[in-house]
Amino acid sequence: MAGQIIAKDMDSELMLYETEKDSVHLLNPTARMVYDLYKQGMNPTQIEQKMCEKFQVNSGLDLHSDVMGCIEELRSKQLLGIDD
């Protein structure tokens, strides 16, 4: 069974504390946005669209790979489940 993750708002950043592993992860504002939107049920394409709106950038291969890389890193650290 996975341990509980406690989230604490740190202004623009988000601190995630894994109780079972007694470890802390600090998400910068961009990673926090990906994490929050993914947890709200958005898929990577929708997350990219939201990021384009917020940061006023064009969608592209770099943004797609950055979003996917962030999601994969969060999954590898078990901060997002495969089925989230």
PDB file of N, CA and C in Angstrom:
ATOM      1  N   MET A   1       0.838  -1.183   0.000  1.00  0.00           N
ATOM      2  CA  MET A   1       0.000   0.000   0.000  1.00  0.00           C
ATOM      3  C   MET A   1       0.884   1.248   0.000  1.00  0.00           C
ATOM      4  N   ALA A   2       0.534   2.209  -0.825  1.00  0.00           N
ATOM      5  CA  ALA A   2       1.295   3.456  -0.908  1.00  0.00           C
ATOM      6  C   ALA A   2       1.042   4.297   0.335  1.00  0.00           C
ATOM      7  N   GLY A   3       2.064   5.033   0.739  1.00  0.00           N
ATOM      8  CA  GLY A   3       1.928   5.916   1.881  1.00  0.00           C
ATOM      9  C   GLY A   3       1.121   7.151   1.533  1.00  0.00           C
ATOM     10  N   GLN A   4       0.747   7.857   2.545  1.00  0.00           N
ATOM     11  CA  GLN A   4      -0.016   9.079   2.356  1.00  0.00           C
ATOM     12  C   GLN A   4       0.901  10.214   1.919  1.00  0.00           C
ATOM     13  N   ILE A   5       0.380  11.079   1.062  1.00  0.00           N
ATOM     14  CA  ILE A   5       1.113  12.261   0.639  1.00  0.00           C
ATOM     15  C   ILE A   5       0.380  13.480   1.188  1.00  0.00           C
ATOM     16  N   ILE A   6       1.103  14.281   1.935  1.00  0.00           N
ATOM     17  CA  ILE A   6       0.548  15.503   2.506  1.00  0.00           C
ATOM     18  C   ILE A   6       1.096  16.677   1.714  1.00  0.00           C
ATOM     19  N   ALA A   7       0.191  17.512   1.202  1.00  0.00           N
ATOM     20  CA  ALA A   7       0.587  18.676   0.407  1.00  0.00           C
ATOM     21  C   ALA A   7       0.485  19.932   1.261  1.00  0.00           C
ATOM     22  N   LYS A   8       1.510  20.778   1.173  1.00  0.00           N
ATOM     23  CA  LYS A   8       1.507  22.048   1.897  1.00  0.00           C
ATOM     24  C   LYS A   8       1.826  23.165   0.909  1.00  0.00           C
ATOM     25  N   ASP A   9       0.944  24.143   0.863  1.00  0.00           N
ATOM     26  CA  ASP A   9       1.114  25.290  -0.022  1.00  0.00           C
ATOM     27  C   ASP A   9       2.246  26.164   0.496  1.00  0.00           C
ATOM     28  N   MET A  10       3.184  26.463  -0.402  1.00  0.00           N
ATOM     29  CA  MET A  10       4.325  27.311  -0.057  1.00  0.00           C
ATOM     30  C   MET A  10       4.355  28.491  -1.031  1.00  0.00           C
ATOM     31  N   ASP A  11       3.290  29.278  -1.048  1.00  0.00           N
ATOM     32  CA  ASP A  11       3.095  30.362  -2.010  1.00  0.00           C
ATOM     33  C   ASP A  11       3.008  29.778  -3.415  1.00  0.00           C
ATOM     34  N   SER A  12       3.979  30.031  -4.278  1.00  0.00           N
ATOM     35  CA  SER A  12       3.900  29.535  -5.647  1.00  0.00           C
ATOM     36  C   SER A  12       4.405  28.097  -5.767  1.00  0.00           C
ATOM     37  N   GLU A  13       5.082  27.601  -4.746  1.00  0.00           N
ATOM     38  CA  GLU A  13       5.605  26.238  -4.760  1.00  0.00           C
ATOM     39  C   GLU A  13       4.690  25.325  -3.943  1.00  0.00           C
ATOM     40  N   LEU A  14       4.905  24.037  -4.074  1.00  0.00           N
ATOM     41  CA  LEU A  14       4.118  23.059  -3.339  1.00  0.00           C
ATOM     42  C   LEU A  14       5.070  22.042  -2.721  1.00  0.00           C
ATOM     43  N   MET A  15       4.933  21.829  -1.420  1.00  0.00           N
ATOM     44  CA  MET A  15       5.729  20.828  -0.733  1.00  0.00           C
ATOM     45  C   MET A  15       4.879  19.577  -0.575  1.00  0.00           C
ATOM     46  N   LEU A  16       5.439  18.441  -0.977  1.00  0.00           N
ATOM     47  CA  LEU A  16       4.775  17.156  -0.829  1.00  0.00           C
ATOM     48  C   LEU A  16       5.580  16.318   0.152  1.00  0.00           C
ATOM     49  N   TYR A  17       4.911  15.825   1.189  1.00  0.00           N
ATOM     50  CA  TYR A  17       5.568  15.000   2.205  1.00  0.00           C
ATOM     51  C   TYR A  17       5.002  13.591   2.110  1.00  0.00           C
ATOM     52  N   GLU A  18       5.883  12.625   1.872  1.00  0.00           N
ATOM     53  CA  GLU A  18       5.492  11.220   1.824  1.00  0.00           C
ATOM     54  C   GLU A  18       5.676  10.627   3.219  1.00  0.00           C
ATOM     55  N   THR A  19       4.579  10.268   3.860  1.00  0.00           N
ATOM     56  CA  THR A  19       4.649   9.789   5.228  1.00  0.00           C
ATOM     57  C   THR A  19       5.388   8.460   5.357  1.00  0.00           C
ATOM     58  N   GLU A  20       5.138   7.542   4.428  1.00  0.00           N
ATOM     59  CA  GLU A  20       5.750   6.216   4.526  1.00  0.00           C
ATOM     60  C   GLU A  20       7.258   6.270   4.345  1.00  0.00           C
ATOM     61  N   LYS A  21       7.726   7.092   3.409  1.00  0.00           N
ATOM     62  CA  LYS A  21       9.160   7.199   3.126  1.00  0.00           C
ATOM     63  C   LYS A  21       9.834   8.294   3.935  1.00  0.00           C
ATOM     64  N   ASP A  22       9.043   9.090   4.641  1.00  0.00           N
ATOM     65  CA  ASP A  22       9.551  10.237   5.398  1.00  0.00           C
ATOM     66  C   ASP A  22      10.438  11.109   4.503  1.00  0.00           C
ATOM     67  N   SER A  23       9.888  11.433   3.312  1.00  0.00           N
ATOM     68  CA  SER A  23      10.652  12.257   2.378  1.00  0.00           C
ATOM     69  C   SER A  23       9.822  13.450   1.922  1.00  0.00           C
ATOM     70  N   VAL A  24      10.530  14.504   1.562  1.00  0.00           N
ATOM     71  CA  VAL A  24       9.906  15.764   1.166  1.00  0.00           C
ATOM     72  C   VAL A  24      10.316  16.089  -0.265  1.00  0.00           C
ATOM     73  N   HIS A  25       9.351  16.578  -1.037  1.00  0.00           N
ATOM     74  CA  HIS A  25       9.594  17.013  -2.410  1.00  0.00           C
ATOM     75  C   HIS A  25       9.046  18.426  -2.540  1.00  0.00           C
ATOM     76  N   LEU A  26       9.823  19.308  -3.116  1.00  0.00           N
ATOM     77  CA  LEU A  26       9.383  20.684  -3.329  1.00  0.00           C
ATOM     78  C   LEU A  26       9.215  20.904  -4.823  1.00  0.00           C
ATOM     79  N   LEU A  27       7.980  21.204  -5.231  1.00  0.00           N
ATOM     80  CA  LEU A  27       7.687  21.431  -6.641  1.00  0.00           C
ATOM     81  C   LEU A  27       7.763  22.916  -6.940  1.00  0.00           C
ATOM     82  N   ASN A  28       8.529  23.271  -7.957  1.00  0.00           N
ATOM     83  CA  ASN A  28       8.590  24.669  -8.377  1.00  0.00           C
ATOM     84  C   ASN A  28       7.243  25.043  -9.007  1.00  0.00           C
ATOM     85  N   PRO A  29       7.008  26.315  -9.301  1.00  0.00           N
ATOM     86  CA  PRO A  29       5.692  26.724  -9.817  1.00  0.00           C
ATOM     87  C   PRO A  29       5.247  25.973 -11.078  1.00  0.00           C
ATOM     88  N   THR A  30       6.168  25.666 -11.973  1.00  0.00           N
ATOM     89  CA  THR A  30       5.795  24.964 -13.201  1.00  0.00           C
ATOM     90  C   THR A  30       5.408  23.515 -12.911  1.00  0.00           C
ATOM     91  N   ALA A  31       6.226  22.823 -12.129  1.00  0.00           N
ATOM     92  CA  ALA A  31       5.911  21.437 -11.764  1.00  0.00           C
ATOM     93  C   ALA A  31       4.637  21.388 -10.937  1.00  0.00           C
ATOM     94  N   ARG A  32       4.433  22.388 -10.089  1.00  0.00           N
ATOM     95  CA  ARG A  32       3.209  22.439  -9.295  1.00  0.00           C
ATOM     96  C   ARG A  32       1.993  22.545 -10.204  1.00  0.00           C
ATOM     97  N   MET A  33       2.091  23.371 -11.242  1.00  0.00           N
ATOM     98  CA  MET A  33       0.964  23.533 -12.160  1.00  0.00           C
ATOM     99  C   MET A  33       0.650  22.212 -12.853  1.00  0.00           C
ATOM    100  N   VAL A  34       1.677  21.515 -13.320  1.00  0.00           N
ATOM    101  CA  VAL A  34       1.474  20.213 -13.955  1.00  0.00           C
ATOM    102  C   VAL A  34       0.823  19.253 -12.958  1.00  0.00           C
ATOM    103  N   TYR A  35       1.349  19.181 -11.751  1.00  0.00           N
ATOM    104  CA  TYR A  35       0.827  18.287 -10.705  1.00  0.00           C
ATOM    105  C   TYR A  35      -0.635  18.610 -10.408  1.00  0.00           C
ATOM    106  N   ASP A  36      -0.932  19.877 -10.144  1.00  0.00           N
ATOM    107  CA  ASP A  36      -2.298  20.280  -9.797  1.00  0.00           C
ATOM    108  C   ASP A  36      -3.287  19.972 -10.917  1.00  0.00           C
ATOM    109  N   LEU A  37      -2.927  20.326 -12.145  1.00  0.00           N
ATOM    110  CA  LEU A  37      -3.834  20.098 -13.273  1.00  0.00           C
ATOM    111  C   LEU A  37      -4.033  18.611 -13.541  1.00  0.00           C
ATOM    112  N   TYR A  38      -2.976  17.832 -13.401  1.00  0.00           N
ATOM    113  CA  TYR A  38      -3.088  16.389 -13.594  1.00  0.00           C
ATOM    114  C   TYR A  38      -3.994  15.779 -12.529  1.00  0.00           C
ATOM    115  N   LYS A  39      -3.830  16.217 -11.292  1.00  0.00           N
ATOM    116  CA  LYS A  39      -4.668  15.712 -10.196  1.00  0.00           C
ATOM    117  C   LYS A  39      -6.136  16.116 -10.375  1.00  0.00           C
ATOM    118  N   GLN A  40      -6.374  17.206 -11.122  1.00  0.00           N
ATOM    119  CA  GLN A  40      -7.743  17.640 -11.410  1.00  0.00           C
ATOM    120  C   GLN A  40      -8.366  16.836 -12.555  1.00  0.00           C
ATOM    121  N   GLY A  41      -7.594  15.947 -13.150  1.00  0.00           N
ATOM    122  CA  GLY A  41      -8.110  15.078 -14.192  1.00  0.00           C
ATOM    123  C   GLY A  41      -7.783  15.496 -15.610  1.00  0.00           C
ATOM    124  N   MET A  42      -6.933  16.495 -15.758  1.00  0.00           N
ATOM    125  CA  MET A  42      -6.561  16.925 -17.113  1.00  0.00           C
ATOM    126  C   MET A  42      -5.523  15.987 -17.701  1.00  0.00           C
ATOM    127  N   ASN A  43      -5.609  15.794 -19.008  1.00  0.00           N
ATOM    128  CA  ASN A  43      -4.615  14.981 -19.695  1.00  0.00           C
ATOM    129  C   ASN A  43      -3.459  15.888 -20.132  1.00  0.00           C
ATOM    130  N   PRO A  44      -2.341  15.306 -20.579  1.00  0.00           N
ATOM    131  CA  PRO A  44      -1.181  16.135 -20.957  1.00  0.00           C
ATOM    132  C   PRO A  44      -1.482  17.221 -21.989  1.00  0.00           C
ATOM    133  N   THR A  45      -2.334  16.936 -22.958  1.00  0.00           N
ATOM    134  CA  THR A  45      -2.676  17.946 -23.966  1.00  0.00           C
ATOM    135  C   THR A  45      -3.398  19.129 -23.334  1.00  0.00           C
ATOM    136  N   GLN A  46      -4.323  18.852 -22.437  1.00  0.00           N
ATOM    137  CA  GLN A  46      -5.044  19.926 -21.746  1.00  0.00           C
ATOM    138  C   GLN A  46      -4.101  20.733 -20.857  1.00  0.00           C
ATOM    139  N   ILE A  47      -3.160  20.054 -20.217  1.00  0.00           N
ATOM    140  CA  ILE A  47      -2.176  20.741 -19.377  1.00  0.00           C
ATOM    141  C   ILE A  47      -1.332  21.681 -20.234  1.00  0.00           C
ATOM    142  N   GLU A  48      -0.901  21.204 -21.395  1.00  0.00           N
ATOM    143  CA  GLU A  48      -0.125  22.046 -22.315  1.00  0.00           C
ATOM    144  C   GLU A  48      -0.910  23.289 -22.704  1.00  0.00           C
ATOM    145  N   GLN A  49      -2.192  23.125 -23.007  1.00  0.00           N
ATOM    146  CA  GLN A  49      -3.033  24.262 -23.390  1.00  0.00           C
ATOM    147  C   GLN A  49      -3.109  25.283 -22.262  1.00  0.00           C
ATOM    148  N   LYS A  50      -3.304  24.811 -21.033  1.00  0.00           N
ATOM    149  CA  LYS A  50      -3.363  25.716 -19.878  1.00  0.00           C
ATOM    150  C   LYS A  50      -2.040  26.440 -19.684  1.00  0.00           C
ATOM    151  N   MET A  51      -0.940  25.744 -19.881  1.00  0.00           N
ATOM    152  CA  MET A  51       0.378  26.365 -19.715  1.00  0.00           C
ATOM    153  C   MET A  51       0.616  27.416 -20.796  1.00  0.00           C
ATOM    154  N   CYS A  52       0.185  27.125 -22.010  1.00  0.00           N
ATOM    155  CA  CYS A  52       0.312  28.103 -23.102  1.00  0.00           C
ATOM    156  C   CYS A  52      -0.454  29.376 -22.765  1.00  0.00           C
ATOM    157  N   GLU A  53      -1.655  29.215 -22.211  1.00  0.00           N
ATOM    158  CA  GLU A  53      -2.467  30.375 -21.829  1.00  0.00           C
ATOM    159  C   GLU A  53      -1.793  31.168 -20.711  1.00  0.00           C
ATOM    160  N   LYS A  54      -1.350  30.477 -19.684  1.00  0.00           N
ATOM    161  CA  LYS A  54      -0.776  31.160 -18.524  1.00  0.00           C
ATOM    162  C   LYS A  54       0.544  31.862 -18.848  1.00  0.00           C
ATOM    163  N   PHE A  55       1.414  31.174 -19.576  1.00  0.00           N
ATOM    164  CA  PHE A  55       2.745  31.714 -19.837  1.00  0.00           C
ATOM    165  C   PHE A  55       2.861  32.391 -21.200  1.00  0.00           C
ATOM    166  N   GLN A  56       1.760  32.428 -21.933  1.00  0.00           N
ATOM    167  CA  GLN A  56       1.696  33.086 -23.236  1.00  0.00           C
ATOM    168  C   GLN A  56       2.807  32.594 -24.169  1.00  0.00           C
ATOM    169  N   VAL A  57       2.863  31.276 -24.304  1.00  0.00           N
ATOM    170  CA  VAL A  57       3.826  30.652 -25.214  1.00  0.00           C
ATOM    171  C   VAL A  57       3.063  29.809 -26.223  1.00  0.00           C
ATOM    172  N   ASN A  58       3.726  29.449 -27.296  1.00  0.00           N
ATOM    173  CA  ASN A  58       3.140  28.571 -28.301  1.00  0.00           C
ATOM    174  C   ASN A  58       3.393  27.125 -27.915  1.00  0.00           C
ATOM    175  N   SER A  59       2.408  26.300 -28.151  1.00  0.00           N
ATOM    176  CA  SER A  59       2.575  24.873 -27.914  1.00  0.00           C
ATOM    177  C   SER A  59       3.590  24.334 -28.913  1.00  0.00           C
ATOM    178  N   GLY A  60       4.308  23.344 -28.508  1.00  0.00           N
ATOM    179  CA  GLY A  60       5.296  22.759 -29.411  1.00  0.00           C
ATOM    180  C   GLY A  60       5.884  21.509 -28.826  1.00  0.00           C
ATOM    181  N   LEU A  61       6.822  20.941 -29.555  1.00  0.00           N
ATOM    182  CA  LEU A  61       7.444  19.696 -29.146  1.00  0.00           C
ATOM    183  C   LEU A  61       8.149  19.833 -27.795  1.00  0.00           C
ATOM    184  N   ASP A  62       8.828  20.958 -27.569  1.00  0.00           N
ATOM    185  CA  ASP A  62       9.532  21.157 -26.299  1.00  0.00           C
ATOM    186  C   ASP A  62       8.562  21.161 -25.124  1.00  0.00           C
ATOM    187  N   LEU A  63       7.457  21.892 -25.266  1.00  0.00           N
ATOM    188  CA  LEU A  63       6.473  21.959 -24.180  1.00  0.00           C
ATOM    189  C   LEU A  63       5.879  20.581 -23.936  1.00  0.00           C
ATOM    190  N   HIS A  64       5.545  19.874 -24.999  1.00  0.00           N
ATOM    191  CA  HIS A  64       4.977  18.532 -24.847  1.00  0.00           C
ATOM    192  C   HIS A  64       5.954  17.614 -24.113  1.00  0.00           C
ATOM    193  N   SER A  65       7.206  17.619 -24.525  1.00  0.00           N
ATOM    194  CA  SER A  65       8.186  16.742 -23.875  1.00  0.00           C
ATOM    195  C   SER A  65       8.445  17.180 -22.435  1.00  0.00           C
ATOM    196  N   ASP A  66       8.391  18.482 -22.153  1.00  0.00           N
ATOM    197  CA  ASP A  66       8.572  18.967 -20.778  1.00  0.00           C
ATOM    198  C   ASP A  66       7.421  18.516 -19.878  1.00  0.00           C
ATOM    199  N   VAL A  67       6.193  18.631 -20.373  1.00  0.00           N
ATOM    200  CA  VAL A  67       5.026  18.198 -19.588  1.00  0.00           C
ATOM    201  C   VAL A  67       5.096  16.697 -19.354  1.00  0.00           C
ATOM    202  N   MET A  68       5.372  15.933 -20.395  1.00  0.00           N
ATOM    203  CA  MET A  68       5.451  14.477 -20.250  1.00  0.00           C
ATOM    204  C   MET A  68       6.596  14.086 -19.317  1.00  0.00           C
ATOM    205  N   GLY A  69       7.727  14.776 -19.426  1.00  0.00           N
ATOM    206  CA  GLY A  69       8.855  14.488 -18.549  1.00  0.00           C
ATOM    207  C   GLY A  69       8.526  14.759 -17.093  1.00  0.00           C
ATOM    208  N   CYS A  70       7.820  15.841 -16.847  1.00  0.00           N
ATOM    209  CA  CYS A  70       7.420  16.181 -15.477  1.00  0.00           C
ATOM    210  C   CYS A  70       6.466  15.120 -14.920  1.00  0.00           C
ATOM    211  N   ILE A  71       5.475  14.737 -15.720  1.00  0.00           N
ATOM    212  CA  ILE A  71       4.522  13.711 -15.280  1.00  0.00           C
ATOM    213  C   ILE A  71       5.252  12.401 -14.994  1.00  0.00           C
ATOM    214  N   GLU A  72       6.147  12.006 -15.867  1.00  0.00           N
ATOM    215  CA  GLU A  72       6.887  10.758 -15.662  1.00  0.00           C
ATOM    216  C   GLU A  72       7.759  10.821 -14.408  1.00  0.00           C
ATOM    217  N   GLU A  73       8.377  11.969 -14.163  1.00  0.00           N
ATOM    218  CA  GLU A  73       9.198  12.095 -12.955  1.00  0.00           C
ATOM    219  C   GLU A  73       8.335  12.015 -11.701  1.00  0.00           C
ATOM    220  N   LEU A  74       7.183  12.668 -11.718  1.00  0.00           N
ATOM    221  CA  LEU A  74       6.270  12.597 -10.577  1.00  0.00           C
ATOM    222  C   LEU A  74       5.782  11.167 -10.365  1.00  0.00           C
ATOM    223  N   ARG A  75       5.515  10.456 -11.441  1.00  0.00           N
ATOM    224  CA  ARG A  75       5.107   9.050 -11.334  1.00  0.00           C
ATOM    225  C   ARG A  75       6.245   8.192 -10.789  1.00  0.00           C
ATOM    226  N   SER A  76       7.466   8.421 -11.279  1.00  0.00           N
ATOM    227  CA  SER A  76       8.601   7.596 -10.845  1.00  0.00           C
ATOM    228  C   SER A  76       8.882   7.772  -9.350  1.00  0.00           C
ATOM    229  N   LYS A  77       8.544   8.952  -8.839  1.00  0.00           N
ATOM    230  CA  LYS A  77       8.709   9.208  -7.400  1.00  0.00           C
ATOM    231  C   LYS A  77       7.456   8.838  -6.622  1.00  0.00           C
ATOM    232  N   GLN A  78       6.481   8.254  -7.344  1.00  0.00           N
ATOM    233  CA  GLN A  78       5.218   7.803  -6.777  1.00  0.00           C
ATOM    234  C   GLN A  78       4.411   8.941  -6.152  1.00  0.00           C
ATOM    235  N   LEU A  79       4.565  10.142  -6.735  1.00  0.00           N
ATOM    236  CA  LEU A  79       3.768  11.283  -6.303  1.00  0.00           C
ATOM    237  C   LEU A  79       2.474  11.381  -7.105  1.00  0.00           C
ATOM    238  N   LEU A  80       2.464  10.740  -8.258  1.00  0.00           N
ATOM    239  CA  LEU A  80       1.266  10.548  -9.070  1.00  0.00           C
ATOM    240  C   LEU A  80       1.164   9.063  -9.356  1.00  0.00           C
ATOM    241  N   GLY A  81      -0.031   8.540  -9.253  1.00  0.00           N
ATOM    242  CA  GLY A  81      -0.231   7.142  -9.589  1.00  0.00           C
ATOM    243  C   GLY A  81      -0.386   6.972 -11.086  1.00  0.00           C
ATOM    244  N   ILE A  82      -0.172   5.770 -11.540  1.00  0.00           N
ATOM    245  CA  ILE A  82      -0.343   5.466 -12.962  1.00  0.00           C
ATOM    246  C   ILE A  82      -1.786   5.719 -13.367  1.00  0.00           C
ATOM    247  N   ASP A  83      -2.727   5.433 -12.490  1.00  0.00           N
ATOM    248  CA  ASP A  83      -4.152   5.569 -12.815  1.00  0.00           C
ATOM    249  C   ASP A  83      -4.757   6.893 -12.386  1.00  0.00           C
ATOM    250  N   ASP A  84      -3.943   7.856 -11.910  1.00  0.00           N
ATOM    251  CA  ASP A  84      -4.487   9.166 -11.511  1.00  0.00           C
ATOM    252  C   ASP A  84      -5.115   9.847 -12.699  1.00  0.00           C
TER     253      ASP A  84
END
